Amino acid sequence: MFIKGSLDFLEKLYRQRTVVFCLFVAVLTLAIDYITGKHIQFPIVYVLPVGMAAWRRQMTAAYAIAIFAPLARVGFHLLWHDTESLPVAFLNAPITMSALIFYSYLVDRVAWQTSELEKEIRVLQGILPVCASCKRIRNDKGEYEQIEQYITDHSEASFTHGICPECARKLYPEFFQEGDG
């Protein structure tokens, strides 16, 4: 129960304070990267805060983290007193920045497409109360309306009417000869 409550709290914080949450995750990631030392390559996890910010369409935060995190890693080499690999760190920083910026751009595009699709999709869900005789549907007001009108009002579907071959034979037998199939 404690874990579920904690996850709900974190999700709520992420939704309401996306930038603050992503910056916290970035700082946590940097701290873990520093603690693990120069021999364990932890920078791949920088995609977490960058992707989280980009998914919520907070591109300024995503780009800032994508630039700041690799620069912080260069600073770690100074703190680790690892000056012999400092040139490599300076070379890797712009490569990592470029990759993270491109990654955040791609995540942003996917998030935008997802939100556009969610706007387009309207789904009828649940149980629809249909009259067994006339096939009209009871709406939220308790009134019965034609199924076509109900579906048009509650989805993006529209209707056109025609007549199937079986009903055409029943309703208009004079237009069909025996043996017409």
C-alpha atoms as a PDB file:
ATOM      1  CA  MET A   1       0.000   0.000   0.000  1.00  0.00           C
ATOM      2  CA  PHE A   2       2.897   2.332   0.814  1.00  0.00           C
ATOM      3  CA  ILE A   3       4.518   1.686  -2.571  1.00  0.00           C
ATOM      4  CA  LYS A   4       1.281   2.318  -4.470  1.00  0.00           C
ATOM      5  CA  GLY A   5       0.718   5.535  -2.530  1.00  0.00           C
ATOM      6  CA  SER A   6       4.279   6.639  -3.235  1.00  0.00           C
ATOM      7  CA  LEU A   7       3.930   5.887  -6.947  1.00  0.00           C
ATOM      8  CA  ASP A   8       0.638   7.779  -7.085  1.00  0.00           C
ATOM      9  CA  PHE A   9       2.287  10.741  -5.359  1.00  0.00           C
ATOM     10  CA  LEU A  10       5.217  10.682  -7.810  1.00  0.00           C
ATOM     11  CA  GLU A  11       2.888  10.466 -10.792  1.00  0.00           C
ATOM     12  CA  LYS A  12       0.822  13.376  -9.504  1.00  0.00           C
ATOM     13  CA  LEU A  13       3.981  15.414  -8.908  1.00  0.00           C
ATOM     14  CA  TYR A  14       5.239  14.556 -12.403  1.00  0.00           C
ATOM     15  CA  ARG A  15       1.966  15.697 -13.971  1.00  0.00           C
ATOM     16  CA  GLN A  16       1.577  18.876 -11.925  1.00  0.00           C
ATOM     17  CA  ARG A  17       5.220  19.963 -11.585  1.00  0.00           C
ATOM     18  CA  THR A  18       6.889  18.354 -14.584  1.00  0.00           C
ATOM     19  CA  VAL A  19       9.912  20.651 -14.737  1.00  0.00           C
ATOM     20  CA  VAL A  20      10.672  20.378 -11.016  1.00  0.00           C
ATOM     21  CA  PHE A  21      10.243  16.613 -11.091  1.00  0.00           C
ATOM     22  CA  CYS A  22      12.471  16.187 -14.163  1.00  0.00           C
ATOM     23  CA  LEU A  23      15.158  18.419 -12.648  1.00  0.00           C
ATOM     24  CA  PHE A  24      15.025  16.317  -9.476  1.00  0.00           C
ATOM     25  CA  VAL A  25      15.436  13.129 -11.532  1.00  0.00           C
ATOM     26  CA  ALA A  26      18.323  14.763 -13.427  1.00  0.00           C
ATOM     27  CA  VAL A  27      20.091  15.727 -10.180  1.00  0.00           C
ATOM     28  CA  LEU A  28      19.501  12.231  -8.791  1.00  0.00           C
ATOM     29  CA  THR A  29      20.900  10.706 -11.988  1.00  0.00           C
ATOM     30  CA  LEU A  30      23.951  12.968 -11.832  1.00  0.00           C
ATOM     31  CA  ALA A  31      24.500  12.075  -8.173  1.00  0.00           C
ATOM     32  CA  ILE A  32      24.383   8.364  -8.954  1.00  0.00           C
ATOM     33  CA  ASP A  33      26.730   8.936 -11.887  1.00  0.00           C
ATOM     34  CA  TYR A  34      29.193  10.754  -9.643  1.00  0.00           C
ATOM     35  CA  ILE A  35      28.990   8.134  -6.886  1.00  0.00           C
ATOM     36  CA  THR A  36      29.543   5.221  -9.266  1.00  0.00           C
ATOM     37  CA  GLY A  37      32.785   6.837 -10.383  1.00  0.00           C
ATOM     38  CA  LYS A  38      34.668   7.224 -13.611  1.00  0.00           C
ATOM     39  CA  HIS A  39      34.876   3.530 -14.444  1.00  0.00           C
ATOM     40  CA  ILE A  40      31.139   2.883 -14.613  1.00  0.00           C
ATOM     41  CA  GLN A  41      29.572   4.631 -17.587  1.00  0.00           C
ATOM     42  CA  PHE A  42      26.249   5.841 -16.180  1.00  0.00           C
ATOM     43  CA  PRO A  43      25.471   8.731 -18.623  1.00  0.00           C
ATOM     44  CA  ILE A  44      23.099   6.563 -20.675  1.00  0.00           C
ATOM     45  CA  VAL A  45      20.559   7.058 -17.884  1.00  0.00           C
ATOM     46  CA  TYR A  46      20.493  10.786 -18.692  1.00  0.00           C
ATOM     47  CA  VAL A  47      17.795   9.834 -21.197  1.00  0.00           C
ATOM     48  CA  LEU A  48      15.348   9.410 -18.285  1.00  0.00           C
ATOM     49  CA  PRO A  49      14.933  13.047 -17.223  1.00  0.00           C
ATOM     50  CA  VAL A  50      15.346  14.290 -20.811  1.00  0.00           C
ATOM     51  CA  GLY A  51      12.687  11.908 -22.116  1.00  0.00           C
ATOM     52  CA  MET A  52      10.337  12.604 -19.220  1.00  0.00           C
ATOM     53  CA  ALA A  53      10.500  16.354 -19.817  1.00  0.00           C
ATOM     54  CA  ALA A  54      10.090  15.947 -23.584  1.00  0.00           C
ATOM     55  CA  TRP A  55       7.112  13.600 -23.174  1.00  0.00           C
ATOM     56  CA  ARG A  56       5.282  16.287 -21.185  1.00  0.00           C
ATOM     57  CA  ARG A  57       6.241  18.804 -23.921  1.00  0.00           C
ATOM     58  CA  GLN A  58       8.558  20.764 -21.606  1.00  0.00           C
ATOM     59  CA  MET A  59      11.220  21.273 -24.251  1.00  0.00           C
ATOM     60  CA  THR A  60      13.149  24.024 -22.486  1.00  0.00           C
ATOM     61  CA  ALA A  61      13.728  21.711 -19.532  1.00  0.00           C
ATOM     62  CA  ALA A  62      14.501  18.761 -21.816  1.00  0.00           C
ATOM     63  CA  TYR A  63      17.100  20.728 -23.783  1.00  0.00           C
ATOM     64  CA  ALA A  64      18.584  22.247 -20.618  1.00  0.00           C
ATOM     65  CA  ILE A  65      19.051  18.816 -19.046  1.00  0.00           C
ATOM     66  CA  ALA A  66      20.425  17.454 -22.344  1.00  0.00           C
ATOM     67  CA  ILE A  67      23.096  20.168 -22.303  1.00  0.00           C
ATOM     68  CA  PHE A  68      23.789  20.422 -18.577  1.00  0.00           C
ATOM     69  CA  ALA A  69      24.137  16.702 -17.734  1.00  0.00           C
ATOM     70  CA  PRO A  70      27.056  15.989 -20.126  1.00  0.00           C
ATOM     71  CA  LEU A  71      28.789  19.194 -18.997  1.00  0.00           C
ATOM     72  CA  ALA A  72      28.398  18.093 -15.377  1.00  0.00           C
ATOM     73  CA  ARG A  73      30.012  14.794 -16.294  1.00  0.00           C
ATOM     74  CA  VAL A  74      33.033  16.714 -17.636  1.00  0.00           C
ATOM     75  CA  GLY A  75      33.161  18.503 -14.281  1.00  0.00           C
ATOM     76  CA  PHE A  76      33.126  15.146 -12.505  1.00  0.00           C
ATOM     77  CA  HIS A  77      36.466  14.293 -14.126  1.00  0.00           C
ATOM     78  CA  LEU A  78      37.967  17.303 -12.374  1.00  0.00           C
ATOM     79  CA  LEU A  79      36.457  16.208  -9.049  1.00  0.00           C
ATOM     80  CA  TRP A  80      37.729  12.668  -9.605  1.00  0.00           C
ATOM     81  CA  HIS A  81      41.197  14.138 -10.342  1.00  0.00           C
ATOM     82  CA  ASP A  82      41.132  12.267 -13.631  1.00  0.00           C
ATOM     83  CA  THR A  83      42.905  14.772 -15.852  1.00  0.00           C
ATOM     84  CA  GLU A  84      44.314  12.197 -18.270  1.00  0.00           C
ATOM     85  CA  SER A  85      40.829  11.341 -19.601  1.00  0.00           C
ATOM     86  CA  LEU A  86      39.661  14.958 -19.588  1.00  0.00           C
ATOM     87  CA  PRO A  87      40.202  15.403 -23.364  1.00  0.00           C
ATOM     88  CA  VAL A  88      38.047  12.338 -24.009  1.00  0.00           C
ATOM     89  CA  ALA A  89      35.360  13.745 -21.697  1.00  0.00           C
ATOM     90  CA  PHE A  90      35.448  17.051 -23.610  1.00  0.00           C
ATOM     91  CA  LEU A  91      35.065  15.127 -26.866  1.00  0.00           C
ATOM     92  CA  ASN A  92      32.229  12.943 -25.561  1.00  0.00           C
ATOM     93  CA  ALA A  93      30.228  15.835 -24.079  1.00  0.00           C
ATOM     94  CA  PRO A  94      29.066  17.401 -27.390  1.00  0.00           C
ATOM     95  CA  ILE A  95      28.336  13.956 -28.819  1.00  0.00           C
ATOM     96  CA  THR A  96      26.207  13.090 -25.799  1.00  0.00           C
ATOM     97  CA  MET A  97      24.519  16.501 -25.916  1.00  0.00           C
ATOM     98  CA  SER A  98      23.670  16.074 -29.594  1.00  0.00           C
ATOM     99  CA  ALA A  99      22.264  12.608 -29.023  1.00  0.00           C
ATOM    100  CA  LEU A 100      20.163  13.760 -26.043  1.00  0.00           C
ATOM    101  CA  ILE A 101      18.848  16.819 -27.885  1.00  0.00           C
ATOM    102  CA  PHE A 102      17.872  14.697 -30.878  1.00  0.00           C
ATOM    103  CA  TYR A 103      16.288  12.130 -28.541  1.00  0.00           C
ATOM    104  CA  SER A 104      14.251  14.850 -26.801  1.00  0.00           C
ATOM    105  CA  TYR A 105      13.104  16.171 -30.190  1.00  0.00           C
ATOM    106  CA  LEU A 106      11.942  12.692 -31.222  1.00  0.00           C
ATOM    107  CA  VAL A 107      10.140  12.105 -27.919  1.00  0.00           C
ATOM    108  CA  ASP A 108       8.436  15.500 -28.290  1.00  0.00           C
ATOM    109  CA  ARG A 109       7.222  14.590 -31.790  1.00  0.00           C
ATOM    110  CA  VAL A 110       5.833  11.262 -30.565  1.00  0.00           C
ATOM    111  CA  ALA A 111       4.123  13.006 -27.626  1.00  0.00           C
ATOM    112  CA  TRP A 112       2.593  15.552 -30.006  1.00  0.00           C
ATOM    113  CA  GLN A 113       1.352  12.819 -32.356  1.00  0.00           C
ATOM    114  CA  THR A 114      -0.091  10.883 -29.422  1.00  0.00           C
ATOM    115  CA  SER A 115      -1.978  13.916 -28.127  1.00  0.00           C
ATOM    116  CA  GLU A 116      -3.328  14.638 -31.627  1.00  0.00           C
ATOM    117  CA  LEU A 117      -4.510  11.046 -31.971  1.00  0.00           C
ATOM    118  CA  GLU A 118      -6.157  11.187 -28.556  1.00  0.00           C
ATOM    119  CA  LYS A 119      -8.051  14.274 -29.680  1.00  0.00           C
ATOM    120  CA  GLU A 120      -9.281  12.465 -32.789  1.00  0.00           C
ATOM    121  CA  ILE A 121     -10.352   9.245 -31.104  1.00  0.00           C
ATOM    122  CA  ARG A 122     -13.673   9.210 -29.344  1.00  0.00           C
ATOM    123  CA  VAL A 123     -14.596   5.738 -28.191  1.00  0.00           C
ATOM    124  CA  LEU A 124     -17.958   4.475 -27.092  1.00  0.00           C
ATOM    125  CA  GLN A 125     -17.443   2.363 -23.994  1.00  0.00           C
ATOM    126  CA  GLY A 126     -19.560   0.496 -21.554  1.00  0.00           C
ATOM    127  CA  ILE A 127     -23.017  -0.972 -21.887  1.00  0.00           C
ATOM    128  CA  LEU A 128     -25.430   0.759 -24.236  1.00  0.00           C
ATOM    129  CA  PRO A 129     -29.100   0.340 -23.209  1.00  0.00           C
ATOM    130  CA  VAL A 130     -30.901  -0.580 -26.449  1.00  0.00           C
ATOM    131  CA  CYS A 131     -34.631  -1.170 -26.817  1.00  0.00           C
ATOM    132  CA  ALA A 132     -35.191  -4.805 -27.823  1.00  0.00           C
ATOM    133  CA  SER A 133     -38.019  -3.825 -30.157  1.00  0.00           C
ATOM    134  CA  CYS A 134     -37.206  -0.542 -31.930  1.00  0.00           C
ATOM    135  CA  LYS A 135     -33.406  -0.636 -31.372  1.00  0.00           C
ATOM    136  CA  ARG A 136     -33.271   2.950 -30.082  1.00  0.00           C
ATOM    137  CA  ILE A 137     -30.691   3.774 -27.393  1.00  0.00           C
ATOM    138  CA  ARG A 138     -31.400   5.365 -24.016  1.00  0.00           C
ATOM    139  CA  ASN A 139     -29.211   8.465 -23.584  1.00  0.00           C
ATOM    140  CA  ASP A 140     -27.874  10.076 -20.400  1.00  0.00           C
ATOM    141  CA  LYS A 141     -31.155  11.985 -19.940  1.00  0.00           C
ATOM    142  CA  GLY A 142     -33.151   8.729 -19.932  1.00  0.00           C
ATOM    143  CA  GLU A 143     -34.684   9.463 -23.331  1.00  0.00           C
ATOM    144  CA  TYR A 144     -34.580   7.060 -26.252  1.00  0.00           C
ATOM    145  CA  GLU A 145     -33.102   8.229 -29.529  1.00  0.00           C
ATOM    146  CA  GLN A 146     -32.233   6.652 -32.853  1.00  0.00           C
ATOM    147  CA  ILE A 147     -29.031   4.625 -32.779  1.00  0.00           C
ATOM    148  CA  GLU A 148     -27.600   6.676 -35.646  1.00  0.00           C
ATOM    149  CA  GLN A 149     -28.102   9.948 -33.767  1.00  0.00           C
ATOM    150  CA  TYR A 150     -26.645   8.546 -30.547  1.00  0.00           C
ATOM    151  CA  ILE A 151     -23.496   7.241 -32.226  1.00  0.00           C
ATOM    152  CA  THR A 152     -23.068  10.457 -34.217  1.00  0.00           C
ATOM    153  CA  ASP A 153     -23.332  12.508 -30.997  1.00  0.00           C
ATOM    154  CA  HIS A 154     -20.921  10.296 -29.049  1.00  0.00           C
ATOM    155  CA  SER A 155     -18.278   9.529 -31.668  1.00  0.00           C
ATOM    156  CA  GLU A 156     -16.802  10.828 -34.876  1.00  0.00           C
ATOM    157  CA  ALA A 157     -18.725   8.269 -36.936  1.00  0.00           C
ATOM    158  CA  SER A 158     -21.334   9.310 -39.450  1.00  0.00           C
ATOM    159  CA  PHE A 159     -23.959   7.252 -41.226  1.00  0.00           C
ATOM    160  CA  THR A 160     -25.212   6.690 -44.721  1.00  0.00           C
ATOM    161  CA  HIS A 161     -28.164   4.468 -45.420  1.00  0.00           C
ATOM    162  CA  GLY A 162     -28.706   1.772 -47.947  1.00  0.00           C
ATOM    163  CA  ILE A 163     -30.527  -1.510 -48.031  1.00  0.00           C
ATOM    164  CA  CYS A 164     -29.057  -4.976 -47.881  1.00  0.00           C
ATOM    165  CA  PRO A 165     -30.019  -7.589 -50.549  1.00  0.00           C
ATOM    166  CA  GLU A 166     -32.101  -9.676 -48.128  1.00  0.00           C
ATOM    167  CA  CYS A 167     -34.219  -6.720 -47.003  1.00  0.00           C
ATOM    168  CA  ALA A 168     -34.535  -5.515 -50.588  1.00  0.00           C
ATOM    169  CA  ARG A 169     -36.018  -8.899 -51.592  1.00  0.00           C
ATOM    170  CA  LYS A 170     -38.458  -8.812 -48.653  1.00  0.00           C
ATOM    171  CA  LEU A 171     -39.548  -5.195 -49.132  1.00  0.00           C
ATOM    172  CA  TYR A 172     -39.512  -5.038 -52.938  1.00  0.00           C
ATOM    173  CA  PRO A 173     -40.191  -8.561 -54.217  1.00  0.00           C
ATOM    174  CA  GLU A 174     -41.593  -7.183 -57.492  1.00  0.00           C
ATOM    175  CA  PHE A 175     -38.079  -6.139 -58.521  1.00  0.00           C
ATOM    176  CA  PHE A 176     -36.616  -9.601 -57.991  1.00  0.00           C
ATOM    177  CA  GLN A 177     -37.370 -12.691 -59.999  1.00  0.00           C
ATOM    178  CA  GLU A 178     -37.207 -16.119 -58.510  1.00  0.00           C
ATOM    179  CA  GLY A 179     -33.722 -17.504 -58.830  1.00  0.00           C
ATOM    180  CA  ASP A 180     -32.051 -14.061 -58.543  1.00  0.00           C
ATOM    181  CA  GLY A 181     -29.330 -14.494 -56.060  1.00  0.00           C
END
